[in-house]
Amino acid sequence: MKEIHLYREKNYFIDFKPLKIFIDGIFFDFWEPSDKKKVIKIEDDSKKLVVGVEWCRSNEVDLKMKILNFRITSQIQNGLFILIFTTFLLGNLLFFLNSLIHIFTLV
């Protein structure tokens, strides 16, 4: 039996969602949001690991390596999320203020 150590990095996209673990394309186990570390035992002949959240899935990871420690996170990191969200929020705020200026200047 092989032991795989999975670590869940802090990330706003996957922090509150259960993850699904697939071994060789077959569902293996759920990984609850409250668990930041998960250790699973798999058969020695297992070849591929995939972790999924909702409709997204990770790339296949080869399990032939000797050290099986993986950190799970989203490719869109928290800083990028904050930048995109703030840009979206400020853009909408400026659009709203511009609309108010036009309304009050027409009256």
Protein backbone atom coordinates (compact mmCIF):
# COMPACT_ATOMS: atom_id res chain seq x y z
CA MET A 1 0.00 0.00 0.00
CA LYS A 2 1.15 3.53 -0.83
CA GLU A 3 0.38 6.55 1.31
CA ILE A 4 -0.49 9.84 -0.35
CA HIS A 5 -0.36 13.05 1.70
CA LEU A 6 -2.59 15.82 0.38
CA TYR A 7 -2.44 19.37 1.74
CA ARG A 8 -5.13 21.94 1.06
CA GLU A 9 -3.68 25.44 0.63
CA LYS A 10 -5.77 28.45 1.65
CA ASN A 11 -7.66 29.61 -1.39
CA TYR A 12 -11.00 31.41 -1.59
CA PHE A 13 -12.17 29.36 -4.57
CA ILE A 14 -11.89 25.95 -2.91
CA ASP A 15 -11.82 26.69 0.84
CA PHE A 16 -15.48 25.95 1.47
CA LYS A 17 -16.08 23.23 -1.10
CA PRO A 18 -15.60 19.49 -0.71
CA LEU A 19 -13.07 18.00 -3.10
CA LYS A 20 -13.45 14.67 -4.87
CA ILE A 21 -10.45 12.36 -5.13
CA PHE A 22 -10.21 10.03 -8.12
CA ILE A 23 -7.70 7.19 -8.45
CA ASP A 24 -7.26 5.78 -11.98
CA GLY A 25 -10.43 7.57 -13.09
CA ILE A 26 -12.62 6.01 -10.39
CA PHE A 27 -14.08 8.02 -7.50
CA PHE A 28 -12.12 7.21 -4.33
CA ASP A 29 -13.13 9.59 -1.53
CA PHE A 30 -14.44 13.03 -0.55
CA TRP A 31 -12.14 15.60 1.06
CA GLU A 32 -14.17 17.78 3.41
CA PRO A 33 -13.45 21.55 3.59
CA SER A 34 -12.63 21.36 7.31
CA ASP A 35 -9.75 18.93 6.67
CA LYS A 36 -6.60 20.81 5.68
CA LYS A 37 -4.58 17.59 5.36
CA LYS A 38 -5.68 14.20 4.11
CA VAL A 39 -3.76 10.94 4.04
CA ILE A 40 -5.08 8.23 1.78
CA LYS A 41 -3.81 4.69 1.26
CA ILE A 42 -3.95 3.24 -2.23
CA GLU A 43 -2.89 0.02 -3.91
CA ASP A 44 0.68 -0.18 -5.20
CA ASP A 45 -0.48 -0.63 -8.79
CA SER A 46 -2.49 2.64 -8.84
CA LYS A 47 -1.25 4.96 -11.57
CA LYS A 48 -3.09 8.30 -11.68
CA LEU A 49 -4.52 10.76 -9.16
CA VAL A 50 -7.04 13.50 -10.01
CA VAL A 51 -8.68 15.94 -7.59
CA GLY A 52 -11.89 17.69 -8.57
CA VAL A 53 -14.12 20.45 -7.22
CA GLU A 54 -17.58 20.90 -8.72
CA TRP A 55 -17.05 20.69 -12.50
CA CYS A 56 -13.29 21.48 -12.40
CA ARG A 57 -10.62 18.80 -12.24
CA SER A 58 -6.87 18.84 -11.79
CA ASN A 59 -4.40 17.44 -14.25
CA GLU A 60 -3.59 13.77 -13.83
CA VAL A 61 -0.73 13.19 -11.42
CA ASP A 62 1.52 10.18 -11.93
CA LEU A 63 1.71 8.02 -8.79
CA LYS A 64 4.94 6.21 -9.71
CA MET A 65 7.01 8.70 -7.69
CA LYS A 66 8.51 7.72 -4.36
CA ILE A 67 7.48 10.85 -2.45
CA LEU A 68 3.74 11.38 -2.68
CA ASN A 69 3.09 14.77 -1.06
CA PHE A 70 0.82 17.15 -2.97
CA ARG A 71 -0.45 20.66 -2.28
CA ILE A 72 -3.89 21.35 -3.72
CA THR A 73 -4.83 24.89 -4.75
CA SER A 74 -6.54 26.76 -7.57
CA GLN A 75 -4.55 28.20 -10.45
CA ILE A 76 -6.31 31.52 -9.95
CA GLN A 77 -4.62 32.67 -6.78
CA ASN A 78 -6.19 34.83 -4.11
CA GLY A 79 -4.31 37.99 -5.07
CA LEU A 80 -5.47 37.77 -8.66
CA PHE A 81 -9.04 37.19 -7.50
CA ILE A 82 -8.90 40.34 -5.31
CA LEU A 83 -7.46 42.37 -8.22
CA ILE A 84 -10.17 41.22 -10.63
CA PHE A 85 -12.96 41.70 -8.09
CA THR A 86 -11.81 45.20 -7.09
CA THR A 87 -11.44 46.23 -10.73
CA PHE A 88 -14.95 44.96 -11.44
CA LEU A 89 -16.37 46.69 -8.36
CA LEU A 90 -14.64 50.01 -9.06
CA GLY A 91 -15.67 49.89 -12.73
CA ASN A 92 -19.31 49.42 -11.76
CA LEU A 93 -19.10 52.16 -9.14
CA LEU A 94 -17.64 54.63 -11.66
CA PHE A 95 -20.33 53.69 -14.20
CA PHE A 96 -23.03 54.27 -11.57
CA LEU A 97 -21.57 57.65 -10.55
CA ASN A 98 -21.25 58.68 -14.20
CA SER A 99 -24.94 57.79 -14.73
CA LEU A 100 -25.93 59.88 -11.69
CA ILE A 101 -23.95 62.87 -12.97
CA HIS A 102 -25.70 62.67 -16.34
CA ILE A 103 -29.13 62.37 -14.71
CA PHE A 104 -28.59 65.42 -12.47
CA THR A 105 -27.03 67.56 -15.19
CA LEU A 106 -30.02 66.96 -17.49
CA VAL A 107 -32.51 68.14 -14.85
